[in-house]
Amino acid sequence: MELTGGRYRGGTVRSRMEGQGSYTLPTGTEYRGELKDGMFHGEGELLFPGGGTYRALWHRGVPTQGKYTFADGLKYEDKKWHYCDGYDRRFYTEICFGLKPAGIAQLTNLEPPRNIPQGCYDCGDGFYNPETRVVVDYKLRFLRYADDDEHEWIVGTCRKAGYKTTEHQPKP
């Protein structure tokens, strides 16, 4: 993978990027680590806009071994993965800090739920406007146009602006 179309800081700039440095991809994902001949090479990590990280040992742009950590601190295990399986559907924060009181829904693993622009839906990677059929990220940057299938799925399953979450009220 050669690095093109992003911003590069650090390292030695020759005809290709080499040394320690960071590189921001057009998607907002940032790579920090070693570079060789314009490719990720050696120890380095990808920092995703949503907060997740992937630390890996890279060889000529390809990860040879690595670990992904979600934004909430949950580490992905490729073997014996027991998180959110059929027997335990709790979020990682609920496992670490306990469940909310009865009647209080936890909509995401991260708190609090996002404020959705009027008339839009929270579709997981951003907000969807059904009038324009545009999905924007949470910083309101364009992501894509939704096709008919995605439109139906979002409108039928995702949280819409105006949805009220109730705060816990102690018993009188």
N, C-alpha and C. Protein backbone atom coordinates (compact mmCIF):
# COMPACT_ATOMS: atom_id res chain seq x y z
N MET A 1 0.85 -1.16 0.00
CA MET A 1 0.00 0.00 0.00
C MET A 1 0.90 1.23 0.00
N GLU A 2 0.93 1.96 -1.06
CA GLU A 2 1.68 3.21 -1.09
C GLU A 2 0.81 4.31 -0.56
N LEU A 3 1.42 5.27 0.09
CA LEU A 3 0.68 6.34 0.71
C LEU A 3 0.52 7.49 -0.26
N THR A 4 -0.71 7.71 -0.68
CA THR A 4 -1.00 8.83 -1.57
C THR A 4 -2.30 9.47 -1.13
N GLY A 5 -2.45 10.75 -1.38
CA GLY A 5 -3.72 11.42 -1.15
C GLY A 5 -3.99 11.82 0.27
N GLY A 6 -3.02 11.77 1.17
CA GLY A 6 -3.23 12.16 2.56
C GLY A 6 -2.20 13.18 3.00
N ARG A 7 -2.09 13.35 4.32
CA ARG A 7 -1.11 14.29 4.88
C ARG A 7 -0.06 13.50 5.65
N TYR A 8 1.21 13.85 5.47
CA TYR A 8 2.31 13.14 6.10
C TYR A 8 3.08 14.10 7.00
N ARG A 9 3.39 13.65 8.24
CA ARG A 9 4.20 14.44 9.16
C ARG A 9 5.30 13.55 9.73
N GLY A 10 6.50 14.08 9.81
CA GLY A 10 7.60 13.38 10.45
C GLY A 10 8.38 12.53 9.47
N GLY A 11 9.37 11.82 9.99
CA GLY A 11 10.16 10.93 9.15
C GLY A 11 11.07 11.72 8.21
N THR A 12 11.75 11.01 7.37
CA THR A 12 12.61 11.61 6.38
C THR A 12 11.90 11.58 5.05
N VAL A 13 11.74 12.72 4.42
CA VAL A 13 11.05 12.76 3.14
C VAL A 13 12.10 12.63 2.04
N ARG A 14 12.03 11.55 1.31
CA ARG A 14 12.88 11.35 0.14
C ARG A 14 11.93 11.24 -1.04
N SER A 15 12.25 10.42 -2.01
CA SER A 15 11.29 10.21 -3.08
C SER A 15 10.09 9.43 -2.55
N ARG A 16 10.29 8.71 -1.48
CA ARG A 16 9.20 8.00 -0.79
C ARG A 16 9.36 8.27 0.71
N MET A 17 8.26 8.09 1.46
CA MET A 17 8.31 8.35 2.90
C MET A 17 8.99 7.21 3.62
N GLU A 18 9.91 7.56 4.55
CA GLU A 18 10.61 6.56 5.33
C GLU A 18 10.84 7.08 6.73
N GLY A 19 10.97 6.14 7.71
CA GLY A 19 11.25 6.50 9.09
C GLY A 19 9.99 6.50 9.93
N GLN A 20 10.07 7.14 11.12
CA GLN A 20 8.92 7.29 12.01
C GLN A 20 8.08 8.45 11.51
N GLY A 21 6.79 8.31 11.59
CA GLY A 21 5.94 9.41 11.19
C GLY A 21 4.48 9.09 11.36
N SER A 22 3.66 10.01 10.92
CA SER A 22 2.22 9.78 10.94
C SER A 22 1.67 10.18 9.59
N TYR A 23 0.58 9.53 9.22
CA TYR A 23 -0.02 9.76 7.92
C TYR A 23 -1.53 9.72 8.09
N THR A 24 -2.22 10.76 7.65
CA THR A 24 -3.68 10.81 7.75
C THR A 24 -4.27 10.50 6.38
N LEU A 25 -5.07 9.44 6.34
CA LEU A 25 -5.74 9.03 5.11
C LEU A 25 -6.92 9.96 4.83
N PRO A 26 -7.38 10.04 3.59
CA PRO A 26 -8.53 10.91 3.27
C PRO A 26 -9.79 10.58 4.07
N THR A 27 -9.91 9.35 4.59
CA THR A 27 -11.07 8.96 5.38
C THR A 27 -11.02 9.49 6.81
N GLY A 28 -9.88 10.08 7.21
CA GLY A 28 -9.72 10.55 8.58
C GLY A 28 -8.97 9.56 9.45
N THR A 29 -8.75 8.35 8.98
CA THR A 29 -7.97 7.36 9.71
C THR A 29 -6.51 7.81 9.70
N GLU A 30 -5.85 7.71 10.86
CA GLU A 30 -4.45 8.13 10.95
C GLU A 30 -3.57 6.93 11.23
N TYR A 31 -2.43 6.85 10.53
CA TYR A 31 -1.43 5.83 10.80
C TYR A 31 -0.28 6.52 11.53
N ARG A 32 0.19 5.91 12.62
CA ARG A 32 1.37 6.39 13.35
C ARG A 32 2.33 5.22 13.49
N GLY A 33 3.55 5.41 13.05
CA GLY A 33 4.52 4.34 13.19
C GLY A 33 5.60 4.41 12.14
N GLU A 34 6.17 3.24 11.86
CA GLU A 34 7.30 3.15 10.95
C GLU A 34 6.84 3.03 9.51
N LEU A 35 7.60 3.68 8.63
CA LEU A 35 7.33 3.66 7.20
C LEU A 35 8.61 3.26 6.48
N LYS A 36 8.47 2.52 5.40
CA LYS A 36 9.62 2.15 4.59
C LYS A 36 9.19 2.10 3.13
N ASP A 37 9.91 2.81 2.30
CA ASP A 37 9.63 2.82 0.86
C ASP A 37 8.17 3.20 0.57
N GLY A 38 7.64 4.14 1.37
CA GLY A 38 6.29 4.63 1.16
C GLY A 38 5.18 3.73 1.66
N MET A 39 5.52 2.70 2.45
CA MET A 39 4.52 1.76 2.95
C MET A 39 4.62 1.63 4.46
N PHE A 40 3.50 1.22 5.10
CA PHE A 40 3.55 0.88 6.52
C PHE A 40 4.50 -0.30 6.65
N HIS A 41 5.50 -0.19 7.52
CA HIS A 41 6.48 -1.27 7.65
C HIS A 41 7.10 -1.18 9.04
N GLY A 42 6.98 -2.25 9.83
CA GLY A 42 7.45 -2.24 11.21
C GLY A 42 6.26 -2.06 12.14
N GLU A 43 6.53 -1.51 13.34
CA GLU A 43 5.46 -1.30 14.31
C GLU A 43 4.69 -0.04 13.98
N GLY A 44 3.37 -0.14 14.05
CA GLY A 44 2.54 1.03 13.79
C GLY A 44 1.11 0.77 14.17
N GLU A 45 0.34 1.85 14.25
CA GLU A 45 -1.07 1.71 14.60
C GLU A 45 -1.94 2.60 13.74
N LEU A 46 -3.15 2.12 13.49
CA LEU A 46 -4.17 2.91 12.81
C LEU A 46 -5.12 3.43 13.87
N LEU A 47 -5.41 4.73 13.83
CA LEU A 47 -6.37 5.34 14.75
C LEU A 47 -7.58 5.75 13.91
N PHE A 48 -8.70 5.10 14.17
CA PHE A 48 -9.91 5.33 13.39
C PHE A 48 -10.70 6.50 13.94
N PRO A 49 -11.41 7.24 13.09
CA PRO A 49 -12.17 8.41 13.54
C PRO A 49 -13.17 8.11 14.66
N GLY A 50 -13.73 6.90 14.68
CA GLY A 50 -14.69 6.54 15.72
C GLY A 50 -14.07 6.20 17.05
N GLY A 51 -12.73 6.18 17.14
CA GLY A 51 -12.05 5.94 18.41
C GLY A 51 -11.36 4.60 18.51
N GLY A 52 -11.60 3.67 17.61
CA GLY A 52 -10.93 2.37 17.65
C GLY A 52 -9.49 2.49 17.20
N THR A 53 -8.66 1.52 17.61
CA THR A 53 -7.26 1.49 17.19
C THR A 53 -6.88 0.07 16.77
N TYR A 54 -5.96 0.00 15.81
CA TYR A 54 -5.42 -1.28 15.38
C TYR A 54 -3.90 -1.17 15.43
N ARG A 55 -3.29 -1.84 16.43
CA ARG A 55 -1.83 -1.86 16.57
C ARG A 55 -1.33 -3.14 15.92
N ALA A 56 -0.32 -2.99 15.05
CA ALA A 56 0.12 -4.16 14.29
C ALA A 56 1.60 -4.07 13.97
N LEU A 57 2.12 -5.20 13.57
CA LEU A 57 3.44 -5.31 12.98
C LEU A 57 3.18 -5.43 11.49
N TRP A 58 3.74 -4.50 10.70
CA TRP A 58 3.45 -4.42 9.28
C TRP A 58 4.66 -4.89 8.47
N HIS A 59 4.39 -5.50 7.33
CA HIS A 59 5.45 -5.89 6.40
C HIS A 59 5.02 -5.43 5.00
N ARG A 60 5.68 -4.41 4.49
CA ARG A 60 5.42 -3.87 3.15
C ARG A 60 3.93 -3.56 2.93
N GLY A 61 3.32 -2.90 3.93
CA GLY A 61 1.95 -2.45 3.81
C GLY A 61 0.89 -3.43 4.27
N VAL A 62 1.30 -4.64 4.68
CA VAL A 62 0.34 -5.67 5.09
C VAL A 62 0.58 -6.01 6.56
N PRO A 63 -0.49 -6.00 7.40
CA PRO A 63 -0.28 -6.39 8.79
C PRO A 63 -0.01 -7.88 8.91
N THR A 64 1.05 -8.24 9.65
CA THR A 64 1.36 -9.66 9.85
C THR A 64 0.79 -10.17 11.17
N GLN A 65 0.64 -9.30 12.14
CA GLN A 65 -0.02 -9.62 13.40
C GLN A 65 -0.48 -8.31 14.02
N GLY A 66 -1.63 -8.36 14.67
CA GLY A 66 -2.14 -7.12 15.25
C GLY A 66 -3.31 -7.35 16.16
N LYS A 67 -3.69 -6.29 16.87
CA LYS A 67 -4.81 -6.32 17.80
C LYS A 67 -5.67 -5.08 17.59
N TYR A 68 -6.99 -5.29 17.53
CA TYR A 68 -7.93 -4.18 17.41
C TYR A 68 -8.55 -3.90 18.77
N THR A 69 -8.61 -2.61 19.14
CA THR A 69 -9.26 -2.20 20.38
C THR A 69 -10.37 -1.23 20.01
N PHE A 70 -11.59 -1.52 20.46
CA PHE A 70 -12.73 -0.67 20.19
C PHE A 70 -12.63 0.62 21.00
N ALA A 71 -13.43 1.62 20.64
CA ALA A 71 -13.39 2.93 21.28
C ALA A 71 -13.64 2.86 22.79
N ASP A 72 -14.41 1.88 23.24
CA ASP A 72 -14.73 1.77 24.67
C ASP A 72 -13.69 0.96 25.45
N GLY A 73 -12.62 0.51 24.80
CA GLY A 73 -11.57 -0.24 25.49
C GLY A 73 -11.65 -1.75 25.31
N LEU A 74 -12.74 -2.26 24.73
CA LEU A 74 -12.87 -3.69 24.51
C LEU A 74 -11.84 -4.13 23.47
N LYS A 75 -11.07 -5.17 23.81
CA LYS A 75 -10.07 -5.70 22.89
C LYS A 75 -10.67 -6.89 22.13
N TYR A 76 -10.52 -6.86 20.80
CA TYR A 76 -11.04 -7.94 19.97
C TYR A 76 -10.14 -9.16 20.11
N GLU A 77 -10.76 -10.32 20.31
CA GLU A 77 -10.05 -11.59 20.36
C GLU A 77 -10.54 -12.43 19.19
N ASP A 78 -9.63 -12.89 18.34
CA ASP A 78 -10.06 -13.67 17.18
C ASP A 78 -10.34 -15.12 17.54
N LYS A 79 -9.89 -15.56 18.70
CA LYS A 79 -10.19 -16.92 19.16
C LYS A 79 -10.94 -16.83 20.48
N LYS A 80 -11.91 -17.70 20.66
CA LYS A 80 -12.71 -17.75 21.89
C LYS A 80 -13.36 -16.40 22.19
N TRP A 81 -13.93 -15.76 21.16
CA TRP A 81 -14.61 -14.47 21.30
C TRP A 81 -15.97 -14.71 21.94
N HIS A 82 -16.17 -14.18 23.14
CA HIS A 82 -17.42 -14.40 23.86
C HIS A 82 -18.23 -13.12 24.03
N TYR A 83 -17.76 -12.03 23.48
CA TYR A 83 -18.49 -10.78 23.65
C TYR A 83 -19.71 -10.75 22.74
N CYS A 84 -20.83 -10.39 23.30
CA CYS A 84 -22.09 -10.21 22.56
C CYS A 84 -22.45 -11.45 21.75
N ASP A 85 -22.32 -12.60 22.37
CA ASP A 85 -22.72 -13.83 21.70
C ASP A 85 -24.17 -14.13 22.07
N GLY A 86 -24.67 -15.26 21.70
CA GLY A 86 -26.07 -15.59 21.95
C GLY A 86 -26.43 -15.73 23.42
N TYR A 87 -25.43 -15.89 24.28
CA TYR A 87 -25.69 -16.12 25.70
C TYR A 87 -25.57 -14.84 26.54
N ASP A 88 -24.80 -13.89 26.10
CA ASP A 88 -24.60 -12.66 26.86
C ASP A 88 -24.62 -11.49 25.89
N ARG A 89 -25.70 -10.75 25.84
CA ARG A 89 -25.88 -9.68 24.86
C ARG A 89 -25.55 -8.31 25.44
N ARG A 90 -24.92 -8.23 26.62
CA ARG A 90 -24.62 -6.93 27.22
C ARG A 90 -23.53 -6.20 26.45
N PHE A 91 -23.60 -4.85 26.50
CA PHE A 91 -22.52 -4.01 25.99
C PHE A 91 -21.31 -4.17 26.90
N TYR A 92 -20.13 -3.85 26.38
CA TYR A 92 -18.90 -3.95 27.17
C TYR A 92 -18.96 -3.05 28.40
N THR A 93 -19.51 -1.84 28.26
CA THR A 93 -19.61 -0.95 29.43
C THR A 93 -20.54 -1.54 30.48
N GLU A 94 -21.56 -2.29 30.08
CA GLU A 94 -22.46 -2.94 31.05
C GLU A 94 -21.73 -4.08 31.75
N ILE A 95 -20.87 -4.78 31.04
CA ILE A 95 -20.09 -5.85 31.66
C ILE A 95 -19.15 -5.25 32.70
N CYS A 96 -18.50 -4.13 32.36
CA CYS A 96 -17.53 -3.50 33.26
C CYS A 96 -18.20 -2.76 34.43
N PHE A 97 -19.30 -2.06 34.15
CA PHE A 97 -19.87 -1.15 35.15
C PHE A 97 -21.27 -1.53 35.60
N GLY A 98 -21.80 -2.64 35.14
CA GLY A 98 -23.12 -3.07 35.55
C GLY A 98 -24.22 -2.57 34.63
N LEU A 99 -25.40 -3.13 34.82
CA LEU A 99 -26.55 -2.78 33.99
C LEU A 99 -27.23 -1.52 34.52
N LYS A 100 -27.91 -0.82 33.64
CA LYS A 100 -28.73 0.32 34.05
C LYS A 100 -29.96 -0.21 34.76
N PRO A 101 -30.62 0.64 35.55
CA PRO A 101 -31.85 0.19 36.23
C PRO A 101 -32.91 -0.25 35.22
N ALA A 102 -33.82 -1.09 35.68
CA ALA A 102 -34.90 -1.59 34.82
C ALA A 102 -35.66 -0.43 34.20
N GLY A 103 -35.98 -0.57 32.91
CA GLY A 103 -36.74 0.47 32.21
C GLY A 103 -35.88 1.51 31.54
N ILE A 104 -34.57 1.52 31.79
CA ILE A 104 -33.66 2.47 31.17
C ILE A 104 -32.90 1.74 30.08
N ALA A 105 -33.10 2.14 28.85
CA ALA A 105 -32.43 1.49 27.74
C ALA A 105 -31.05 2.07 27.53
N GLN A 106 -30.10 1.22 27.23
CA GLN A 106 -28.78 1.68 26.82
C GLN A 106 -28.72 1.48 25.32
N LEU A 107 -28.72 2.60 24.57
CA LEU A 107 -28.82 2.53 23.12
C LEU A 107 -27.50 2.26 22.44
N THR A 108 -26.40 2.66 23.06
CA THR A 108 -25.07 2.44 22.48
C THR A 108 -24.12 2.02 23.58
N ASN A 109 -22.96 1.55 23.18
CA ASN A 109 -21.93 1.20 24.14
C ASN A 109 -21.26 2.45 24.69
N LEU A 110 -21.39 3.55 23.99
CA LEU A 110 -20.80 4.81 24.42
C LEU A 110 -21.92 5.71 24.92
N GLU A 111 -21.66 6.50 25.89
CA GLU A 111 -22.68 7.38 26.45
C GLU A 111 -22.35 8.82 26.16
N PRO A 112 -23.27 9.71 26.07
CA PRO A 112 -24.71 9.51 25.91
C PRO A 112 -25.04 9.30 24.44
N PRO A 113 -26.30 8.94 24.13
CA PRO A 113 -26.67 8.81 22.72
C PRO A 113 -26.50 10.15 21.99
N ARG A 114 -26.18 10.10 20.73
CA ARG A 114 -25.96 11.32 19.94
C ARG A 114 -27.27 12.06 19.70
N ASN A 115 -27.18 13.39 19.62
CA ASN A 115 -28.33 14.19 19.21
C ASN A 115 -28.43 14.12 17.70
N ILE A 116 -29.58 13.72 17.22
CA ILE A 116 -29.80 13.51 15.79
C ILE A 116 -30.43 14.77 15.20
N PRO A 117 -29.89 15.27 14.08
CA PRO A 117 -30.52 16.44 13.44
C PRO A 117 -31.99 16.15 13.10
N GLN A 118 -32.82 17.19 13.17
CA GLN A 118 -34.26 17.05 12.93
C GLN A 118 -34.54 16.37 11.58
N GLY A 119 -35.44 15.38 11.60
CA GLY A 119 -35.84 14.67 10.39
C GLY A 119 -34.88 13.58 9.96
N CYS A 120 -33.78 13.37 10.70
CA CYS A 120 -32.75 12.40 10.31
C CYS A 120 -32.77 11.17 11.20
N TYR A 121 -31.99 10.16 10.81
CA TYR A 121 -31.83 8.91 11.56
C TYR A 121 -30.35 8.71 11.88
N ASP A 122 -30.06 8.07 13.02
CA ASP A 122 -28.70 7.67 13.36
C ASP A 122 -28.51 6.27 12.80
N CYS A 123 -27.68 6.14 11.75
CA CYS A 123 -27.55 4.84 11.07
C CYS A 123 -26.26 4.10 11.41
N GLY A 124 -25.58 4.51 12.47
CA GLY A 124 -24.40 3.76 12.92
C GLY A 124 -23.09 4.39 12.55
N ASP A 125 -22.93 4.82 11.30
CA ASP A 125 -21.69 5.50 10.91
C ASP A 125 -21.94 6.98 10.64
N GLY A 126 -23.17 7.43 10.89
CA GLY A 126 -23.49 8.83 10.69
C GLY A 126 -24.99 9.06 10.71
N PHE A 127 -25.41 10.19 10.19
CA PHE A 127 -26.82 10.55 10.14
C PHE A 127 -27.34 10.42 8.72
N TYR A 128 -28.58 9.96 8.62
CA TYR A 128 -29.23 9.77 7.32
C TYR A 128 -30.42 10.70 7.21
N ASN A 129 -30.47 11.45 6.10
CA ASN A 129 -31.60 12.33 5.81
C ASN A 129 -32.44 11.63 4.74
N PRO A 130 -33.66 11.15 5.07
CA PRO A 130 -34.46 10.41 4.10
C PRO A 130 -34.96 11.29 2.94
N GLU A 131 -35.00 12.60 3.13
CA GLU A 131 -35.46 13.49 2.04
C GLU A 131 -34.41 13.59 0.93
N THR A 132 -33.13 13.70 1.32
CA THR A 132 -32.06 13.84 0.33
C THR A 132 -31.38 12.50 0.04
N ARG A 133 -31.65 11.50 0.93
CA ARG A 133 -31.03 10.17 0.84
C ARG A 133 -29.51 10.23 0.99
N VAL A 134 -29.03 11.20 1.77
CA VAL A 134 -27.60 11.39 2.01
C VAL A 134 -27.25 10.93 3.42
N VAL A 135 -26.13 10.21 3.54
CA VAL A 135 -25.57 9.85 4.84
C VAL A 135 -24.33 10.71 5.05
N VAL A 136 -24.29 11.40 6.20
CA VAL A 136 -23.12 12.20 6.58
C VAL A 136 -22.54 11.60 7.85
N ASP A 137 -21.23 11.77 8.08
CA ASP A 137 -20.64 11.26 9.31
C ASP A 137 -21.05 12.15 10.47
N TYR A 138 -20.58 11.83 11.67
CA TYR A 138 -21.01 12.57 12.86
C TYR A 138 -20.43 13.97 12.94
N LYS A 139 -19.52 14.30 12.02
CA LYS A 139 -19.03 15.68 11.91
C LYS A 139 -19.70 16.38 10.72
N LEU A 140 -20.76 15.74 10.19
CA LEU A 140 -21.60 16.25 9.10
C LEU A 140 -20.87 16.34 7.77
N ARG A 141 -19.87 15.46 7.55
CA ARG A 141 -19.19 15.36 6.26
C ARG A 141 -19.85 14.27 5.44
N PHE A 142 -20.01 14.51 4.14
CA PHE A 142 -20.66 13.57 3.23
C PHE A 142 -19.99 12.20 3.25
N LEU A 143 -20.80 11.13 3.35
CA LEU A 143 -20.29 9.77 3.25
C LEU A 143 -20.77 9.08 1.97
N ARG A 144 -22.11 9.11 1.72
CA ARG A 144 -22.64 8.40 0.57
C ARG A 144 -24.12 8.73 0.37
N TYR A 145 -24.61 8.31 -0.78
CA TYR A 145 -26.05 8.31 -1.04
C TYR A 145 -26.56 6.91 -0.73
N ALA A 146 -27.72 6.80 -0.10
CA ALA A 146 -28.30 5.50 0.24
C ALA A 146 -29.12 4.98 -0.94
N ASP A 147 -28.94 3.69 -1.25
CA ASP A 147 -29.78 3.08 -2.28
C ASP A 147 -31.12 2.69 -1.65
N ASP A 148 -32.02 2.09 -2.43
CA ASP A 148 -33.35 1.75 -1.93
C ASP A 148 -33.30 0.78 -0.75
N ASP A 149 -32.43 -0.24 -0.82
CA ASP A 149 -32.34 -1.22 0.27
C ASP A 149 -31.86 -0.58 1.56
N GLU A 150 -30.81 0.25 1.47
CA GLU A 150 -30.30 0.90 2.68
C GLU A 150 -31.33 1.87 3.24
N HIS A 151 -32.02 2.60 2.38
CA HIS A 151 -33.07 3.53 2.83
C HIS A 151 -34.13 2.78 3.64
N GLU A 152 -34.62 1.66 3.11
CA GLU A 152 -35.65 0.89 3.81
C GLU A 152 -35.14 0.36 5.15
N TRP A 153 -33.90 -0.11 5.17
CA TRP A 153 -33.33 -0.65 6.41
C TRP A 153 -33.21 0.46 7.46
N ILE A 154 -32.67 1.62 7.07
CA ILE A 154 -32.48 2.71 8.03
C ILE A 154 -33.82 3.18 8.58
N VAL A 155 -34.77 3.45 7.71
CA VAL A 155 -36.08 3.97 8.13
C VAL A 155 -36.81 2.94 9.01
N GLY A 156 -36.61 1.66 8.73
CA GLY A 156 -37.30 0.63 9.50
C GLY A 156 -36.65 0.23 10.80
N THR A 157 -35.34 0.50 10.97
CA THR A 157 -34.65 -0.02 12.16
C THR A 157 -33.89 1.01 12.98
N CYS A 158 -33.55 2.16 12.44
CA CYS A 158 -32.67 3.08 13.15
C CYS A 158 -33.43 4.13 13.97
N ARG A 159 -32.74 4.68 14.95
CA ARG A 159 -33.29 5.70 15.84
C ARG A 159 -33.44 7.00 15.08
N LYS A 160 -34.61 7.63 15.22
CA LYS A 160 -34.93 8.87 14.51
C LYS A 160 -34.86 10.06 15.45
N ALA A 161 -34.60 11.24 14.91
CA ALA A 161 -34.61 12.47 15.71
C ALA A 161 -35.95 12.59 16.42
N GLY A 162 -35.91 13.08 17.64
CA GLY A 162 -37.12 13.24 18.41
C GLY A 162 -37.37 12.08 19.35
N TYR A 163 -36.61 10.97 19.19
CA TYR A 163 -36.74 9.84 20.11
C TYR A 163 -36.27 10.29 21.47
N LYS A 164 -37.05 10.10 22.48
CA LYS A 164 -36.70 10.56 23.82
C LYS A 164 -36.23 9.38 24.66
N THR A 165 -35.11 9.57 25.32
CA THR A 165 -34.68 8.58 26.31
C THR A 165 -35.13 9.10 27.66
N THR A 166 -35.54 8.19 28.52
CA THR A 166 -36.01 8.61 29.83
C THR A 166 -34.87 8.50 30.83
N GLU A 167 -34.81 9.45 31.71
CA GLU A 167 -33.80 9.42 32.77
C GLU A 167 -34.33 8.55 33.91
N HIS A 168 -33.45 7.93 34.65
CA HIS A 168 -33.84 7.10 35.78
C HIS A 168 -34.46 7.96 36.87
N GLN A 169 -35.62 7.56 37.33
CA GLN A 169 -36.30 8.26 38.43
C GLN A 169 -36.30 7.33 39.64
N PRO A 170 -35.70 7.78 40.75
CA PRO A 170 -35.72 6.92 41.92
C PRO A 170 -37.16 6.70 42.41
N LYS A 171 -37.39 5.57 43.08
CA LYS A 171 -38.73 5.30 43.60
C LYS A 171 -39.10 6.35 44.62
N PRO A 172 -40.40 6.79 44.62
CA PRO A 172 -40.81 7.79 45.61
C PRO A 172 -40.82 7.23 47.02
